[in-house]
Amino acid sequence: MDKERLKKIVDNPDFIPGIYNYCDRWCERCTMTSKCANYAIGKEQFPDNENIDMNNEKFWDSLSDIFKTTIEMILEDAEKRGIDLSDIDDSVVEDRKAVQKAAEETGMVKQAKKYAKNVSVWFDNAEDILKEKEQALKRQHEMAIPGIDPVKDSADILDVMDVIRWYQHQIYVK
């Protein structure tokens, strides 16, 4: 994607500036994709399954292309602002590492990591419970009891599990 096309997408007034800062990268379930420049860029850059297959050269070419364009734009913007990116003080990097290390030690981060681990442990140990529920839903389906929809119940359980697993690590990341 060239710079001009990227700028045109980003400058589209239909998009909410910075909405992607709150992104959980689950576009398939997002109600705001029509307002998101990041989504539009992704759809244009990776329009089909072939383009998102990490084993396909097209994926890596597209990703490389967007990175090159981004770097070019960053360098141009820095130059306009009088910033020499080749002259970055190492202390800035060290300061950033210190801030990251301090953040890792906060109670909130520790709890988020503990939650992610506990979710994994629960799912690892819930196999028998989930198999029992599956069998119960199959029996309900076979009995065809009016007013009971085991297919919907099964889909709801799978959906809840998907949501828990999707956000399992998002708390820590955010």
Protein backbone atom coordinates (compact mmCIF):
# COMPACT_ATOMS: atom_id res chain seq x y z
CA MET A 1 0.00 0.00 0.00
CA ASP A 2 1.47 3.35 -0.95
CA LYS A 3 1.59 6.40 1.33
CA GLU A 4 -1.07 8.32 -0.51
CA ARG A 5 -3.56 5.47 -0.29
CA LEU A 6 -2.79 4.99 3.39
CA LYS A 7 -3.25 8.72 4.07
CA LYS A 8 -6.54 8.71 2.16
CA ILE A 9 -7.89 5.90 4.32
CA VAL A 10 -6.70 7.49 7.56
CA ASP A 11 -8.12 10.89 6.60
CA ASN A 12 -11.58 9.46 5.85
CA PRO A 13 -14.01 11.46 8.03
CA ASP A 14 -16.19 8.36 8.48
CA PHE A 15 -13.53 6.83 10.71
CA ILE A 16 -13.29 7.58 14.42
CA PRO A 17 -9.75 8.82 15.10
CA GLY A 18 -7.87 6.48 17.40
CA ILE A 19 -10.72 3.97 17.85
CA TYR A 20 -8.18 1.21 17.22
CA ASN A 21 -6.45 2.20 20.46
CA TYR A 22 -9.24 0.30 22.21
CA CYS A 23 -9.04 -2.62 19.81
CA ASP A 24 -9.16 -6.21 21.02
CA ARG A 25 -8.29 -7.52 17.52
CA TRP A 26 -11.53 -9.47 17.23
CA CYS A 27 -12.84 -7.74 14.14
CA GLU A 28 -15.24 -10.58 13.38
CA ARG A 29 -17.28 -9.58 16.44
CA CYS A 30 -16.70 -5.84 16.44
CA THR A 31 -19.63 -3.54 15.75
CA MET A 32 -17.33 -0.62 14.94
CA THR A 33 -15.36 -1.94 11.94
CA SER A 34 -17.14 0.54 9.65
CA LYS A 35 -15.66 3.34 11.78
CA CYS A 36 -12.13 1.94 12.03
CA ALA A 37 -9.27 2.99 9.73
CA ASN A 38 -7.15 0.10 11.00
CA TYR A 39 -9.81 -2.38 9.90
CA ALA A 40 -10.09 -0.73 6.47
CA ILE A 41 -6.32 -0.82 6.01
CA GLY A 42 -6.21 -4.48 7.03
CA LYS A 43 -9.03 -5.42 4.67
CA GLU A 44 -7.34 -3.63 1.79
CA GLN A 45 -3.90 -5.01 2.57
CA PHE A 46 -5.13 -8.55 3.31
CA PRO A 47 -8.33 -8.94 1.25
CA ASP A 48 -8.71 -12.72 1.35
CA ASN A 49 -7.66 -15.86 3.22
CA GLU A 50 -4.67 -16.37 0.92
CA ASN A 51 -3.32 -13.01 2.05
CA ILE A 52 -3.61 -13.87 5.75
CA ASP A 53 -2.02 -17.31 5.54
CA MET A 54 1.33 -17.00 7.33
CA ASN A 55 2.68 -19.86 5.24
CA ASN A 56 2.01 -17.93 2.05
CA GLU A 57 4.60 -15.58 0.58
CA LYS A 58 1.84 -13.08 -0.31
CA PHE A 59 1.18 -12.56 3.41
CA TRP A 60 4.80 -11.71 4.14
CA ASP A 61 5.06 -9.48 1.07
CA SER A 62 1.94 -7.54 2.14
CA LEU A 63 3.17 -7.23 5.71
CA SER A 64 6.59 -6.08 4.53
CA ASP A 65 4.93 -3.54 2.24
CA ILE A 66 2.89 -1.96 5.04
CA PHE A 67 5.93 -1.86 7.35
CA LYS A 68 8.04 -0.14 4.68
CA THR A 69 5.32 2.42 4.06
CA THR A 70 4.92 3.03 7.80
CA ILE A 71 8.66 3.51 8.33
CA GLU A 72 8.83 5.87 5.37
CA MET A 73 5.98 7.95 6.79
CA ILE A 74 7.51 8.02 10.28
CA LEU A 75 10.86 9.19 8.90
CA GLU A 76 9.17 11.91 6.83
CA ASP A 77 7.12 13.12 9.78
CA ALA A 78 10.14 13.13 12.08
CA GLU A 79 12.10 15.16 9.53
CA LYS A 80 9.25 17.69 9.25
CA ARG A 81 9.30 18.06 13.03
CA GLY A 82 13.08 18.39 13.16
CA ILE A 83 13.61 15.07 14.92
CA ASP A 84 16.69 13.03 14.08
CA LEU A 85 15.71 9.44 14.78
CA SER A 86 19.27 8.24 14.32
CA ASP A 87 20.25 10.32 17.36
CA ILE A 88 18.17 8.57 20.00
CA ASP A 89 19.74 8.72 23.43
CA ASP A 90 20.25 5.25 24.96
CA SER A 91 18.94 6.59 28.28
CA VAL A 92 15.48 6.88 26.71
CA VAL A 93 15.56 3.17 25.94
CA GLU A 94 16.79 2.39 29.46
CA ASP A 95 14.10 4.62 30.97
CA ARG A 96 11.47 2.79 28.95
CA LYS A 97 12.80 -0.56 30.19
CA ALA A 98 12.65 0.69 33.78
CA VAL A 99 9.05 1.85 33.33
CA GLN A 100 8.12 -1.52 31.82
CA LYS A 101 9.79 -3.38 34.68
CA ALA A 102 7.98 -1.23 37.25
CA ALA A 103 4.67 -1.85 35.49
CA GLU A 104 5.28 -5.60 35.60
CA GLU A 105 5.57 -5.37 39.39
CA THR A 106 2.19 -3.69 39.97
CA GLY A 107 -0.58 -5.63 41.64
CA MET A 108 -2.86 -5.14 38.66
CA VAL A 109 -0.42 -6.74 36.21
CA LYS A 110 0.31 -9.58 38.59
CA GLN A 111 -3.42 -10.25 39.03
CA ALA A 112 -4.00 -10.13 35.26
CA LYS A 113 -1.25 -12.68 34.70
CA LYS A 114 -2.61 -14.83 37.51
CA TYR A 115 -6.08 -14.67 35.94
CA ALA A 116 -4.69 -15.76 32.55
CA LYS A 117 -2.91 -18.70 34.17
CA ASN A 118 -6.01 -19.66 36.18
CA VAL A 119 -8.13 -19.68 33.04
CA SER A 120 -5.69 -22.10 31.42
CA VAL A 121 -5.67 -24.31 34.51
CA TRP A 122 -9.47 -24.31 34.66
CA PHE A 123 -9.84 -25.30 31.01
CA ASP A 124 -7.15 -27.96 31.40
CA ASN A 125 -9.06 -29.45 34.35
CA ALA A 126 -12.60 -29.00 32.97
CA GLU A 127 -12.39 -31.63 30.26
CA ASP A 128 -14.53 -34.14 32.19
CA ILE A 129 -17.16 -31.52 33.10
CA LEU A 130 -17.37 -30.36 29.50
CA LYS A 131 -17.68 -33.94 28.20
CA GLU A 132 -20.51 -34.59 30.69
CA LYS A 133 -22.31 -31.47 29.52
CA GLU A 134 -21.83 -32.51 25.91
CA GLN A 135 -23.38 -35.91 26.63
CA ALA A 136 -26.30 -34.31 28.50
CA LEU A 137 -26.98 -31.97 25.58
CA LYS A 138 -26.85 -34.90 23.15
CA ARG A 139 -29.41 -36.79 25.27
CA GLN A 140 -31.67 -33.72 25.35
CA HIS A 141 -31.37 -33.42 21.58
CA GLU A 142 -32.32 -37.08 21.12
CA MET A 143 -35.35 -36.68 23.41
CA ALA A 144 -36.59 -33.62 21.47
CA ILE A 145 -38.23 -32.09 24.55
CA PRO A 146 -40.44 -29.14 23.55
CA GLY A 147 -39.07 -25.77 24.73
CA ILE A 148 -35.56 -27.08 25.23
CA ASP A 149 -32.97 -26.24 22.58
CA PRO A 150 -29.75 -28.15 23.27
CA VAL A 151 -28.24 -27.02 19.96
CA LYS A 152 -28.60 -23.38 21.02
CA ASP A 153 -27.36 -24.21 24.53
CA SER A 154 -24.31 -25.89 23.04
CA ALA A 155 -23.62 -22.90 20.78
CA ASP A 156 -24.00 -20.56 23.78
CA ILE A 157 -21.52 -22.58 25.84
CA LEU A 158 -19.01 -22.63 22.98
CA ASP A 159 -19.47 -18.88 22.52
CA VAL A 160 -18.82 -18.19 26.20
CA MET A 161 -15.73 -20.37 26.08
CA ASP A 162 -14.50 -18.51 22.99
CA VAL A 163 -14.98 -15.16 24.72
CA ILE A 164 -13.18 -16.27 27.88
CA ARG A 165 -10.28 -17.66 25.88
CA TRP A 166 -10.09 -14.61 23.61
CA TYR A 167 -9.86 -12.17 26.50
CA GLN A 168 -7.79 -14.41 28.74
CA HIS A 169 -4.58 -12.54 27.91
CA GLN A 170 -6.12 -9.24 26.77
CA ILE A 171 -6.47 -7.97 30.35
CA TYR A 172 -2.72 -8.18 30.88
CA VAL A 173 -1.90 -6.77 27.47
CA LYS A 174 -4.17 -3.77 27.88
